Amino acid sequence: MRADYYTVKPYGESELIIQKSRFLTYVQRAETEKVALDFIQDIKKLHPTATHNCSAYMIGEHDNIQKANDDGEPSGTAGVPMLEVLKKQGLKDTVVVVTRYFGGIKLGGGGLIRAYGRATTEGIAATGVVERRLHDLMKVTIDYTWLGKVENETRQSAYLLKDIDYADDVNVFVYVPTADTDKFIAWMTEITNGQASIISTGNEFREFDV
């Protein structure tokens, strides 16, 4: 399982006018290359008369899939600067498409690089960035006599109480950052004088706005 990482929220878009050219930016989270390619094709179908539909994406735990496409703009002036924004912001599993409608004024190589970089940056800002942090869902099984103390202590802690299951014993489910699992077990053991059964039921990523 990968470590904590940054990515974009599921979807977003923005619009920018530079020297009468219209730049429409579309951003989506993509955990596979197929999702990224399908998204790019969807945007092209949405704007079949656009001058360019340039794209970039970065996918994988170690950014092992990185692609950039200038879609007819001079080589290196669109897709690459878009990809550089993703790298600079440390975003994983992210695809960006910038659709350009030419406004009649040429921007030149440097102008295009700045325009596509800015369009990508603003699109990401409009979409929003999240940090995905790996958590264990801990199951704390206790006698009912411990419920009040365990619930109160947990709610006042940095951990997130997800659910309480009232059975023969009480099962309290708590999200704990994976790196803090041992610390949580020691803390809960101390709270309950060693009278709790504490196990991990699995792990998952939780998202936090950046």
N, C-alpha and C. Protein backbone atom coordinates (compact mmCIF):
# COMPACT_ATOMS: atom_id res chain seq x y z
N MET A 1 0.85 -1.20 0.00
CA MET A 1 0.00 0.00 0.00
C MET A 1 0.89 1.24 0.00
N ARG A 2 0.56 2.19 -0.84
CA ARG A 2 1.37 3.39 -0.95
C ARG A 2 1.26 4.26 0.30
N ALA A 3 2.21 5.15 0.46
CA ALA A 3 2.21 6.07 1.59
C ALA A 3 1.27 7.24 1.29
N ASP A 4 1.18 8.17 2.24
CA ASP A 4 0.33 9.35 2.06
C ASP A 4 0.78 10.11 0.81
N TYR A 5 -0.18 10.72 0.13
CA TYR A 5 0.17 11.44 -1.10
C TYR A 5 -0.87 12.52 -1.41
N TYR A 6 -0.50 13.40 -2.34
CA TYR A 6 -1.37 14.48 -2.78
C TYR A 6 -1.98 14.17 -4.14
N THR A 7 -3.24 14.55 -4.30
CA THR A 7 -3.91 14.43 -5.58
C THR A 7 -5.00 15.49 -5.65
N VAL A 8 -5.73 15.52 -6.76
CA VAL A 8 -6.82 16.50 -6.90
C VAL A 8 -8.14 15.89 -6.43
N LYS A 9 -9.10 16.74 -6.19
CA LYS A 9 -10.45 16.27 -5.93
C LYS A 9 -10.99 15.64 -7.23
N PRO A 10 -12.12 14.94 -7.16
CA PRO A 10 -12.55 14.14 -8.33
C PRO A 10 -12.63 14.89 -9.65
N TYR A 11 -13.08 16.17 -9.65
CA TYR A 11 -13.23 16.86 -10.93
C TYR A 11 -13.31 18.37 -10.70
N GLY A 12 -12.81 19.11 -11.69
CA GLY A 12 -12.93 20.57 -11.64
C GLY A 12 -12.59 21.17 -12.99
N GLU A 13 -12.92 22.44 -13.15
CA GLU A 13 -12.62 23.14 -14.41
C GLU A 13 -12.48 24.63 -14.17
N SER A 14 -11.87 25.31 -15.11
CA SER A 14 -11.71 26.77 -15.02
C SER A 14 -11.57 27.33 -16.43
N GLU A 15 -11.64 28.66 -16.53
CA GLU A 15 -11.53 29.33 -17.83
C GLU A 15 -10.62 30.54 -17.70
N LEU A 16 -9.84 30.78 -18.76
CA LEU A 16 -8.86 31.86 -18.76
C LEU A 16 -8.79 32.47 -20.16
N ILE A 17 -8.77 33.80 -20.22
CA ILE A 17 -8.61 34.49 -21.51
C ILE A 17 -7.24 35.16 -21.53
N ILE A 18 -6.42 34.83 -22.53
CA ILE A 18 -5.11 35.43 -22.68
C ILE A 18 -4.97 35.89 -24.13
N GLN A 19 -4.78 37.18 -24.31
CA GLN A 19 -4.61 37.74 -25.66
C GLN A 19 -5.71 37.22 -26.61
N LYS A 20 -6.94 37.29 -26.14
CA LYS A 20 -8.14 36.91 -26.89
C LYS A 20 -8.29 35.40 -27.14
N SER A 21 -7.27 34.61 -26.75
CA SER A 21 -7.43 33.16 -26.84
C SER A 21 -8.13 32.67 -25.57
N ARG A 22 -9.01 31.71 -25.76
CA ARG A 22 -9.79 31.16 -24.63
C ARG A 22 -9.18 29.82 -24.23
N PHE A 23 -8.79 29.71 -22.96
CA PHE A 23 -8.20 28.48 -22.43
C PHE A 23 -9.17 27.87 -21.41
N LEU A 24 -9.67 26.69 -21.71
CA LEU A 24 -10.58 25.99 -20.82
C LEU A 24 -9.82 24.81 -20.21
N THR A 25 -9.74 24.76 -18.90
CA THR A 25 -8.98 23.71 -18.23
C THR A 25 -9.92 22.72 -17.55
N TYR A 26 -9.66 21.44 -17.79
CA TYR A 26 -10.44 20.37 -17.18
C TYR A 26 -9.50 19.47 -16.40
N VAL A 27 -9.86 19.19 -15.17
CA VAL A 27 -8.99 18.40 -14.28
C VAL A 27 -9.79 17.25 -13.69
N GLN A 28 -9.16 16.08 -13.66
CA GLN A 28 -9.84 14.92 -13.07
C GLN A 28 -8.82 14.02 -12.38
N ARG A 29 -9.26 13.35 -11.33
CA ARG A 29 -8.43 12.32 -10.72
C ARG A 29 -8.49 11.07 -11.60
N ALA A 30 -7.35 10.45 -11.82
CA ALA A 30 -7.29 9.26 -12.67
C ALA A 30 -6.28 8.29 -12.08
N GLU A 31 -6.76 7.14 -11.63
CA GLU A 31 -5.87 6.17 -10.99
C GLU A 31 -5.32 5.14 -11.97
N THR A 32 -5.80 5.19 -13.23
CA THR A 32 -5.25 4.33 -14.27
C THR A 32 -5.07 5.15 -15.54
N GLU A 33 -4.21 4.67 -16.43
CA GLU A 33 -3.99 5.38 -17.69
C GLU A 33 -5.24 5.33 -18.55
N LYS A 34 -6.00 4.27 -18.48
CA LYS A 34 -7.23 4.17 -19.28
C LYS A 34 -8.22 5.27 -18.88
N VAL A 35 -8.36 5.51 -17.59
CA VAL A 35 -9.25 6.58 -17.12
C VAL A 35 -8.78 7.92 -17.67
N ALA A 36 -7.46 8.15 -17.65
CA ALA A 36 -6.92 9.41 -18.16
C ALA A 36 -7.18 9.56 -19.66
N LEU A 37 -6.92 8.51 -20.42
CA LEU A 37 -7.12 8.57 -21.87
C LEU A 37 -8.59 8.75 -22.23
N ASP A 38 -9.47 8.08 -21.50
CA ASP A 38 -10.91 8.23 -21.75
C ASP A 38 -11.35 9.66 -21.47
N PHE A 39 -10.81 10.24 -20.40
CA PHE A 39 -11.15 11.62 -20.05
C PHE A 39 -10.70 12.58 -21.14
N ILE A 40 -9.50 12.38 -21.64
CA ILE A 40 -8.98 13.25 -22.72
C ILE A 40 -9.88 13.15 -23.95
N GLN A 41 -10.29 11.95 -24.30
CA GLN A 41 -11.17 11.76 -25.45
C GLN A 41 -12.53 12.41 -25.22
N ASP A 42 -13.03 12.33 -24.01
CA ASP A 42 -14.33 12.95 -23.69
C ASP A 42 -14.27 14.47 -23.88
N ILE A 43 -13.16 15.08 -23.46
CA ILE A 43 -13.02 16.53 -23.61
C ILE A 43 -12.88 16.89 -25.09
N LYS A 44 -12.18 16.07 -25.86
CA LYS A 44 -12.06 16.33 -27.30
C LYS A 44 -13.42 16.26 -27.99
N LYS A 45 -14.24 15.32 -27.55
CA LYS A 45 -15.59 15.20 -28.12
C LYS A 45 -16.44 16.39 -27.71
N LEU A 46 -16.17 16.92 -26.51
CA LEU A 46 -16.92 18.08 -26.02
C LEU A 46 -16.57 19.34 -26.81
N HIS A 47 -15.31 19.41 -27.31
CA HIS A 47 -14.83 20.58 -28.04
C HIS A 47 -14.22 20.16 -29.38
N PRO A 48 -15.03 19.63 -30.29
CA PRO A 48 -14.48 19.15 -31.56
C PRO A 48 -13.95 20.26 -32.46
N THR A 49 -14.40 21.50 -32.25
CA THR A 49 -13.95 22.61 -33.10
C THR A 49 -12.85 23.44 -32.46
N ALA A 50 -12.36 23.01 -31.29
CA ALA A 50 -11.30 23.76 -30.62
C ALA A 50 -10.02 23.72 -31.45
N THR A 51 -9.19 24.73 -31.30
CA THR A 51 -7.92 24.77 -32.01
C THR A 51 -6.97 23.69 -31.50
N HIS A 52 -6.95 23.50 -30.18
CA HIS A 52 -6.09 22.49 -29.57
C HIS A 52 -6.76 21.94 -28.31
N ASN A 53 -6.52 20.67 -28.04
CA ASN A 53 -6.89 20.04 -26.77
C ASN A 53 -5.62 19.38 -26.22
N CYS A 54 -4.86 20.15 -25.49
CA CYS A 54 -3.57 19.68 -24.99
C CYS A 54 -3.77 18.97 -23.65
N SER A 55 -2.88 18.02 -23.34
CA SER A 55 -3.11 17.22 -22.14
C SER A 55 -1.81 16.80 -21.46
N ALA A 56 -1.97 16.43 -20.20
CA ALA A 56 -0.85 15.88 -19.42
C ALA A 56 -1.44 15.07 -18.29
N TYR A 57 -0.73 14.00 -17.94
CA TYR A 57 -1.18 13.24 -16.78
C TYR A 57 0.00 12.54 -16.11
N MET A 58 -0.18 12.29 -14.82
CA MET A 58 0.84 11.63 -14.03
C MET A 58 0.13 10.62 -13.14
N ILE A 59 0.50 9.35 -13.27
CA ILE A 59 -0.24 8.27 -12.62
C ILE A 59 0.72 7.27 -11.99
N GLY A 60 0.33 6.73 -10.85
CA GLY A 60 1.10 5.67 -10.21
C GLY A 60 1.76 6.12 -8.92
N GLU A 61 2.00 5.15 -8.05
CA GLU A 61 2.59 5.44 -6.75
C GLU A 61 3.93 6.16 -6.89
N HIS A 62 4.70 5.77 -7.89
CA HIS A 62 6.01 6.37 -8.10
C HIS A 62 6.04 7.22 -9.38
N ASP A 63 4.88 7.72 -9.78
CA ASP A 63 4.76 8.56 -10.98
C ASP A 63 5.35 7.85 -12.20
N ASN A 64 5.14 6.53 -12.26
CA ASN A 64 5.76 5.75 -13.34
C ASN A 64 5.11 5.99 -14.69
N ILE A 65 3.91 6.57 -14.73
CA ILE A 65 3.28 6.91 -16.01
C ILE A 65 3.16 8.43 -16.09
N GLN A 66 3.93 9.01 -17.00
CA GLN A 66 3.91 10.45 -17.22
C GLN A 66 3.80 10.72 -18.71
N LYS A 67 2.77 11.43 -19.11
CA LYS A 67 2.58 11.71 -20.55
C LYS A 67 2.18 13.18 -20.74
N ALA A 68 2.61 13.73 -21.86
CA ALA A 68 2.25 15.11 -22.23
C ALA A 68 2.00 15.15 -23.73
N ASN A 69 0.98 15.90 -24.14
CA ASN A 69 0.61 15.99 -25.56
C ASN A 69 0.33 17.44 -25.93
N ASP A 70 1.06 17.93 -26.93
CA ASP A 70 0.90 19.33 -27.36
C ASP A 70 -0.29 19.52 -28.31
N ASP A 71 -0.80 18.45 -28.89
CA ASP A 71 -1.96 18.49 -29.79
C ASP A 71 -1.88 19.63 -30.82
N GLY A 72 -0.74 19.71 -31.47
CA GLY A 72 -0.61 20.67 -32.57
C GLY A 72 0.07 21.98 -32.20
N GLU A 73 0.20 22.28 -30.93
CA GLU A 73 0.97 23.45 -30.53
C GLU A 73 2.45 23.14 -30.78
N PRO A 74 3.30 24.18 -30.92
CA PRO A 74 4.72 23.92 -31.12
C PRO A 74 5.28 22.99 -30.03
N SER A 75 6.14 22.09 -30.43
CA SER A 75 6.65 21.06 -29.52
C SER A 75 7.19 21.64 -28.22
N GLY A 76 6.71 21.09 -27.11
CA GLY A 76 7.20 21.48 -25.79
C GLY A 76 6.57 22.73 -25.20
N THR A 77 5.57 23.32 -25.89
CA THR A 77 5.01 24.57 -25.40
C THR A 77 3.69 24.40 -24.65
N ALA A 78 3.14 23.19 -24.61
CA ALA A 78 1.82 23.01 -23.99
C ALA A 78 1.82 21.84 -23.00
N GLY A 79 1.92 20.62 -23.53
CA GLY A 79 1.84 19.45 -22.66
C GLY A 79 2.93 19.40 -21.61
N VAL A 80 4.15 19.71 -22.01
CA VAL A 80 5.27 19.65 -21.06
C VAL A 80 5.11 20.66 -19.92
N PRO A 81 4.82 21.93 -20.20
CA PRO A 81 4.61 22.85 -19.07
C PRO A 81 3.43 22.46 -18.20
N MET A 82 2.42 21.83 -18.80
CA MET A 82 1.31 21.34 -17.99
C MET A 82 1.77 20.24 -17.05
N LEU A 83 2.58 19.32 -17.59
CA LEU A 83 3.11 18.23 -16.78
C LEU A 83 4.02 18.75 -15.68
N GLU A 84 4.77 19.79 -15.99
CA GLU A 84 5.67 20.36 -15.00
C GLU A 84 4.91 20.93 -13.80
N VAL A 85 3.72 21.46 -14.04
CA VAL A 85 2.90 21.96 -12.94
C VAL A 85 2.49 20.81 -12.02
N LEU A 86 2.10 19.69 -12.62
CA LEU A 86 1.74 18.51 -11.82
C LEU A 86 2.93 18.05 -10.98
N LYS A 87 4.10 18.04 -11.58
CA LYS A 87 5.31 17.62 -10.85
C LYS A 87 5.64 18.60 -9.73
N LYS A 88 5.57 19.88 -10.03
CA LYS A 88 5.93 20.90 -9.05
C LYS A 88 5.01 20.84 -7.83
N GLN A 89 3.72 20.55 -8.08
CA GLN A 89 2.76 20.47 -6.97
C GLN A 89 2.72 19.09 -6.32
N GLY A 90 3.48 18.14 -6.88
CA GLY A 90 3.56 16.81 -6.30
C GLY A 90 2.25 16.04 -6.37
N LEU A 91 1.52 16.22 -7.47
CA LEU A 91 0.20 15.59 -7.60
C LEU A 91 0.29 14.24 -8.30
N LYS A 92 -0.31 13.24 -7.70
CA LYS A 92 -0.35 11.91 -8.29
C LYS A 92 -1.76 11.63 -8.82
N ASP A 93 -1.83 10.68 -9.73
CA ASP A 93 -3.13 10.22 -10.27
C ASP A 93 -3.99 11.39 -10.74
N THR A 94 -3.41 12.24 -11.58
CA THR A 94 -4.08 13.46 -12.03
C THR A 94 -3.94 13.62 -13.55
N VAL A 95 -5.05 13.96 -14.21
CA VAL A 95 -5.02 14.25 -15.64
C VAL A 95 -5.60 15.65 -15.86
N VAL A 96 -4.97 16.39 -16.76
CA VAL A 96 -5.40 17.76 -17.09
C VAL A 96 -5.51 17.90 -18.60
N VAL A 97 -6.59 18.52 -19.04
CA VAL A 97 -6.75 18.87 -20.46
C VAL A 97 -6.99 20.37 -20.53
N VAL A 98 -6.22 21.04 -21.37
CA VAL A 98 -6.43 22.48 -21.61
C VAL A 98 -6.88 22.63 -23.07
N THR A 99 -8.10 23.09 -23.22
CA THR A 99 -8.69 23.32 -24.54
C THR A 99 -8.47 24.78 -24.92
N ARG A 100 -7.91 25.02 -26.10
CA ARG A 100 -7.65 26.39 -26.53
C ARG A 100 -8.46 26.72 -27.78
N TYR A 101 -9.12 27.86 -27.71
CA TYR A 101 -9.75 28.46 -28.89
C TYR A 101 -8.93 29.69 -29.26
N PHE A 102 -8.27 29.62 -30.41
CA PHE A 102 -7.35 30.68 -30.82
C PHE A 102 -8.10 31.99 -31.05
N GLY A 103 -7.53 33.07 -30.49
CA GLY A 103 -8.19 34.37 -30.57
C GLY A 103 -7.62 35.31 -31.61
N GLY A 104 -6.66 34.81 -32.42
CA GLY A 104 -6.13 35.64 -33.50
C GLY A 104 -4.80 36.29 -33.21
N ILE A 105 -4.34 36.20 -31.97
CA ILE A 105 -3.05 36.80 -31.61
C ILE A 105 -2.09 35.69 -31.22
N LYS A 106 -0.97 35.56 -31.92
CA LYS A 106 0.02 34.54 -31.60
C LYS A 106 0.76 34.91 -30.31
N LEU A 107 1.00 33.91 -29.49
CA LEU A 107 1.63 34.16 -28.19
C LEU A 107 3.13 33.90 -28.19
N GLY A 108 3.63 33.20 -29.20
CA GLY A 108 5.04 32.86 -29.22
C GLY A 108 5.32 31.70 -28.27
N GLY A 109 6.51 31.10 -28.41
CA GLY A 109 6.85 29.94 -27.60
C GLY A 109 6.77 30.20 -26.11
N GLY A 110 7.43 31.27 -25.68
CA GLY A 110 7.43 31.60 -24.25
C GLY A 110 6.04 31.92 -23.75
N GLY A 111 5.28 32.63 -24.57
CA GLY A 111 3.92 32.98 -24.18
C GLY A 111 3.03 31.76 -24.03
N LEU A 112 3.21 30.80 -24.93
CA LEU A 112 2.42 29.57 -24.84
C LEU A 112 2.77 28.77 -23.59
N ILE A 113 4.06 28.67 -23.30
CA ILE A 113 4.49 27.94 -22.10
C ILE A 113 3.87 28.56 -20.85
N ARG A 114 3.92 29.89 -20.79
CA ARG A 114 3.34 30.57 -19.62
C ARG A 114 1.82 30.39 -19.57
N ALA A 115 1.18 30.47 -20.73
CA ALA A 115 -0.27 30.36 -20.79
C ALA A 115 -0.76 28.99 -20.35
N TYR A 116 -0.14 27.94 -20.87
CA TYR A 116 -0.58 26.59 -20.52
C TYR A 116 -0.23 26.25 -19.07
N GLY A 117 0.91 26.76 -18.62
CA GLY A 117 1.26 26.56 -17.22
C GLY A 117 0.28 27.26 -16.29
N ARG A 118 -0.08 28.49 -16.64
CA ARG A 118 -1.03 29.24 -15.82
C ARG A 118 -2.41 28.61 -15.85
N ALA A 119 -2.85 28.18 -17.04
CA ALA A 119 -4.16 27.56 -17.17
C ALA A 119 -4.24 26.29 -16.30
N THR A 120 -3.17 25.52 -16.30
CA THR A 120 -3.14 24.30 -15.49
C THR A 120 -3.16 24.63 -14.01
N THR A 121 -2.36 25.60 -13.61
CA THR A 121 -2.31 25.99 -12.20
C THR A 121 -3.67 26.48 -11.71
N GLU A 122 -4.34 27.30 -12.52
CA GLU A 122 -5.64 27.82 -12.12
C GLU A 122 -6.71 26.73 -12.12
N GLY A 123 -6.59 25.79 -13.06
CA GLY A 123 -7.53 24.68 -13.09
C GLY A 123 -7.42 23.81 -11.86
N ILE A 124 -6.19 23.56 -11.43
CA ILE A 124 -5.97 22.75 -10.23
C ILE A 124 -6.48 23.48 -9.00
N ALA A 125 -6.24 24.80 -8.96
CA ALA A 125 -6.72 25.58 -7.82
C ALA A 125 -8.25 25.56 -7.75
N ALA A 126 -8.90 25.63 -8.90
CA ALA A 126 -10.37 25.60 -8.94
C ALA A 126 -10.91 24.23 -8.53
N THR A 127 -10.15 23.19 -8.87
CA THR A 127 -10.58 21.83 -8.53
C THR A 127 -10.39 21.55 -7.05
N GLY A 128 -9.23 21.92 -6.54
CA GLY A 128 -8.89 21.66 -5.15
C GLY A 128 -7.96 20.47 -5.02
N VAL A 129 -7.05 20.57 -4.07
CA VAL A 129 -6.07 19.51 -3.82
C VAL A 129 -6.37 18.88 -2.46
N VAL A 130 -6.17 17.56 -2.39
CA VAL A 130 -6.35 16.85 -1.12
C VAL A 130 -5.10 16.03 -0.82
N GLU A 131 -4.88 15.80 0.47
CA GLU A 131 -3.87 14.84 0.87
C GLU A 131 -4.60 13.56 1.28
N ARG A 132 -4.21 12.46 0.69
CA ARG A 132 -4.80 11.17 1.03
C ARG A 132 -3.86 10.48 2.02
N ARG A 133 -4.35 10.26 3.23
CA ARG A 133 -3.54 9.69 4.30
C ARG A 133 -4.05 8.29 4.64
N LEU A 134 -3.13 7.35 4.72
CA LEU A 134 -3.50 5.97 5.01
C LEU A 134 -3.84 5.81 6.49
N HIS A 135 -5.03 5.24 6.74
CA HIS A 135 -5.51 5.01 8.10
C HIS A 135 -5.86 3.54 8.30
N ASP A 136 -5.67 3.06 9.53
CA ASP A 136 -6.20 1.76 9.93
C ASP A 136 -7.55 2.00 10.61
N LEU A 137 -8.51 1.14 10.32
CA LEU A 137 -9.78 1.18 11.04
C LEU A 137 -9.66 0.20 12.19
N MET A 138 -9.50 0.75 13.39
CA MET A 138 -9.28 -0.07 14.58
C MET A 138 -10.61 -0.42 15.24
N LYS A 139 -10.71 -1.69 15.62
CA LYS A 139 -11.90 -2.18 16.33
C LYS A 139 -11.52 -2.41 17.79
N VAL A 140 -12.16 -1.63 18.66
CA VAL A 140 -11.90 -1.73 20.10
C VAL A 140 -13.12 -2.39 20.74
N THR A 141 -12.95 -3.59 21.26
CA THR A 141 -14.04 -4.33 21.89
C THR A 141 -13.91 -4.22 23.41
N ILE A 142 -14.96 -3.71 24.05
CA ILE A 142 -14.92 -3.46 25.49
C ILE A 142 -16.24 -3.85 26.15
N ASP A 143 -16.18 -3.98 27.46
CA ASP A 143 -17.39 -4.15 28.25
C ASP A 143 -18.14 -2.81 28.30
N TYR A 144 -19.43 -2.86 28.48
CA TYR A 144 -20.24 -1.64 28.50
C TYR A 144 -19.80 -0.66 29.58
N THR A 145 -19.19 -1.16 30.64
CA THR A 145 -18.76 -0.27 31.73
C THR A 145 -17.66 0.70 31.29
N TRP A 146 -16.96 0.36 30.20
CA TRP A 146 -15.88 1.22 29.70
C TRP A 146 -16.34 2.17 28.60
N LEU A 147 -17.57 2.03 28.13
CA LEU A 147 -18.00 2.78 26.95
C LEU A 147 -17.90 4.29 27.14
N GLY A 148 -18.41 4.80 28.24
CA GLY A 148 -18.40 6.26 28.45
C GLY A 148 -17.00 6.83 28.39
N LYS A 149 -16.08 6.18 29.11
CA LYS A 149 -14.72 6.69 29.15
C LYS A 149 -14.05 6.60 27.79
N VAL A 150 -14.19 5.44 27.12
CA VAL A 150 -13.54 5.25 25.82
C VAL A 150 -14.09 6.23 24.79
N GLU A 151 -15.42 6.39 24.78
CA GLU A 151 -16.02 7.30 23.81
C GLU A 151 -15.58 8.74 24.06
N ASN A 152 -15.61 9.18 25.31
CA ASN A 152 -15.23 10.56 25.63
C ASN A 152 -13.76 10.83 25.30
N GLU A 153 -12.90 9.90 25.69
CA GLU A 153 -11.46 10.08 25.44
C GLU A 153 -11.18 10.11 23.94
N THR A 154 -11.87 9.25 23.20
CA THR A 154 -11.63 9.19 21.75
C THR A 154 -12.10 10.47 21.07
N ARG A 155 -13.27 10.94 21.46
CA ARG A 155 -13.81 12.17 20.83
C ARG A 155 -12.94 13.39 21.14
N GLN A 156 -12.24 13.36 22.24
CA GLN A 156 -11.38 14.49 22.61
C GLN A 156 -9.96 14.34 22.06
N SER A 157 -9.71 13.21 21.41
CA SER A 157 -8.37 12.95 20.88
C SER A 157 -8.27 13.39 19.43
N ALA A 158 -7.10 13.12 18.83
CA ALA A 158 -6.89 13.44 17.42
C ALA A 158 -7.44 12.35 16.51
N TYR A 159 -7.89 11.25 17.09
CA TYR A 159 -8.42 10.14 16.30
C TYR A 159 -9.90 10.37 15.98
N LEU A 160 -10.37 9.71 14.94
CA LEU A 160 -11.75 9.91 14.50
C LEU A 160 -12.59 8.68 14.82
N LEU A 161 -13.60 8.88 15.66
CA LEU A 161 -14.52 7.79 15.98
C LEU A 161 -15.50 7.62 14.82
N LYS A 162 -15.48 6.46 14.21
CA LYS A 162 -16.33 6.22 13.05
C LYS A 162 -17.70 5.70 13.43
N ASP A 163 -17.74 4.70 14.34
CA ASP A 163 -19.01 4.04 14.61
C ASP A 163 -18.92 3.29 15.94
N ILE A 164 -20.09 3.02 16.53
CA ILE A 164 -20.18 2.19 17.72
C ILE A 164 -21.21 1.11 17.46
N ASP A 165 -20.79 -0.14 17.67
CA ASP A 165 -21.67 -1.29 17.46
C ASP A 165 -22.03 -1.89 18.82
N TYR A 166 -23.32 -1.83 19.13
CA TYR A 166 -23.79 -2.33 20.44
C TYR A 166 -24.21 -3.78 20.31
N ALA A 167 -23.35 -4.68 20.79
CA ALA A 167 -23.63 -6.12 20.75
C ALA A 167 -23.53 -6.66 22.18
N ASP A 168 -23.13 -7.91 22.33
CA ASP A 168 -22.94 -8.45 23.68
C ASP A 168 -21.89 -7.62 24.41
N ASP A 169 -20.84 -7.29 23.70
CA ASP A 169 -19.88 -6.28 24.14
C ASP A 169 -20.03 -5.10 23.20
N VAL A 170 -19.32 -4.03 23.49
CA VAL A 170 -19.38 -2.85 22.62
C VAL A 170 -18.16 -2.85 21.71
N ASN A 171 -18.40 -2.63 20.41
CA ASN A 171 -17.32 -2.49 19.44
C ASN A 171 -17.23 -1.03 19.00
N VAL A 172 -16.12 -0.40 19.30
CA VAL A 172 -15.90 0.99 18.93
C VAL A 172 -14.91 1.01 17.76
N PHE A 173 -15.30 1.64 16.67
CA PHE A 173 -14.46 1.69 15.47
C PHE A 173 -13.84 3.08 15.34
N VAL A 174 -12.53 3.11 15.21
CA VAL A 174 -11.80 4.37 15.22
C VAL A 174 -10.80 4.40 14.07
N TYR A 175 -10.79 5.52 13.33
CA TYR A 175 -9.77 5.72 12.29
C TYR A 175 -8.48 6.21 12.94
N VAL A 176 -7.39 5.53 12.64
CA VAL A 176 -6.09 5.87 13.21
C VAL A 176 -5.06 5.93 12.09
N PRO A 177 -4.29 7.02 11.98
CA PRO A 177 -3.22 7.03 10.98
C PRO A 177 -2.35 5.79 11.14
N THR A 178 -2.06 5.13 10.04
CA THR A 178 -1.33 3.87 10.09
C THR A 178 -0.02 3.99 10.87
N ALA A 179 0.64 5.12 10.74
CA ALA A 179 1.90 5.33 11.45
C ALA A 179 1.71 5.40 12.96
N ASP A 180 0.49 5.64 13.42
CA ASP A 180 0.22 5.81 14.86
C ASP A 180 -0.48 4.60 15.47
N THR A 181 -0.56 3.50 14.74
CA THR A 181 -1.33 2.35 15.23
C THR A 181 -0.81 1.83 16.56
N ASP A 182 0.50 1.63 16.67
CA ASP A 182 1.07 1.11 17.92
C ASP A 182 0.83 2.08 19.08
N LYS A 183 0.96 3.36 18.79
CA LYS A 183 0.73 4.39 19.81
C LYS A 183 -0.73 4.35 20.27
N PHE A 184 -1.65 4.17 19.31
CA PHE A 184 -3.07 4.11 19.66
C PHE A 184 -3.37 2.90 20.53
N ILE A 185 -2.81 1.74 20.19
CA ILE A 185 -3.04 0.52 20.97
C ILE A 185 -2.56 0.70 22.41
N ALA A 186 -1.38 1.29 22.56
CA ALA A 186 -0.83 1.52 23.90
C ALA A 186 -1.73 2.48 24.68
N TRP A 187 -2.18 3.53 24.01
CA TRP A 187 -3.05 4.54 24.65
C TRP A 187 -4.37 3.92 25.08
N MET A 188 -5.00 3.16 24.20
CA MET A 188 -6.29 2.55 24.51
C MET A 188 -6.15 1.48 25.59
N THR A 189 -5.04 0.76 25.57
CA THR A 189 -4.79 -0.24 26.61
C THR A 189 -4.68 0.41 27.98
N GLU A 190 -4.03 1.58 28.00
CA GLU A 190 -3.89 2.31 29.27
C GLU A 190 -5.24 2.82 29.76
N ILE A 191 -6.05 3.36 28.85
CA ILE A 191 -7.37 3.90 29.21
C ILE A 191 -8.25 2.82 29.83
N THR A 192 -8.17 1.61 29.28
CA THR A 192 -9.07 0.53 29.71
C THR A 192 -8.42 -0.44 30.69
N ASN A 193 -7.27 -0.06 31.21
CA ASN A 193 -6.55 -0.94 32.14
C ASN A 193 -6.32 -2.34 31.53
N GLY A 194 -6.07 -2.36 30.24
CA GLY A 194 -5.77 -3.62 29.57
C GLY A 194 -6.98 -4.51 29.33
N GLN A 195 -8.19 -3.95 29.48
CA GLN A 195 -9.40 -4.77 29.35
C GLN A 195 -10.10 -4.61 28.00
N ALA A 196 -9.37 -4.14 27.02
CA ALA A 196 -9.94 -3.99 25.67
C ALA A 196 -9.24 -4.93 24.69
N SER A 197 -10.01 -5.44 23.75
CA SER A 197 -9.44 -6.17 22.62
C SER A 197 -9.32 -5.17 21.48
N ILE A 198 -8.11 -5.02 20.94
CA ILE A 198 -7.87 -3.98 19.94
C ILE A 198 -7.25 -4.63 18.70
N ILE A 199 -7.95 -4.55 17.57
CA ILE A 199 -7.43 -5.13 16.34
C ILE A 199 -7.67 -4.16 15.17
N SER A 200 -6.87 -4.33 14.13
CA SER A 200 -7.10 -3.57 12.90
C SER A 200 -8.00 -4.38 11.98
N THR A 201 -9.03 -3.76 11.46
CA THR A 201 -9.94 -4.45 10.54
C THR A 201 -9.59 -4.19 9.08
N GLY A 202 -8.49 -3.46 8.86
CA GLY A 202 -8.08 -3.13 7.49
C GLY A 202 -7.64 -1.69 7.43
N ASN A 203 -7.19 -1.26 6.26
CA ASN A 203 -6.80 0.13 6.13
C ASN A 203 -7.37 0.75 4.86
N GLU A 204 -7.44 2.06 4.87
CA GLU A 204 -7.99 2.80 3.73
C GLU A 204 -7.47 4.23 3.79
N PHE A 205 -7.57 4.90 2.66
CA PHE A 205 -7.15 6.29 2.61
C PHE A 205 -8.31 7.20 3.00
N ARG A 206 -8.01 8.22 3.79
CA ARG A 206 -8.96 9.28 4.08
C ARG A 206 -8.39 10.57 3.49
N GLU A 207 -9.29 11.46 3.06
CA GLU A 207 -8.86 12.66 2.34
C GLU A 207 -9.03 13.91 3.19
N PHE A 208 -8.01 14.77 3.08
CA PHE A 208 -8.01 16.02 3.83
C PHE A 208 -7.70 17.16 2.87
N ASP A 209 -8.50 18.21 2.92
CA ASP A 209 -8.28 19.36 2.06
C ASP A 209 -6.93 20.00 2.37
N VAL A 210 -6.27 20.46 1.32
CA VAL A 210 -4.98 21.12 1.47
C VAL A 210 -5.17 22.62 1.34
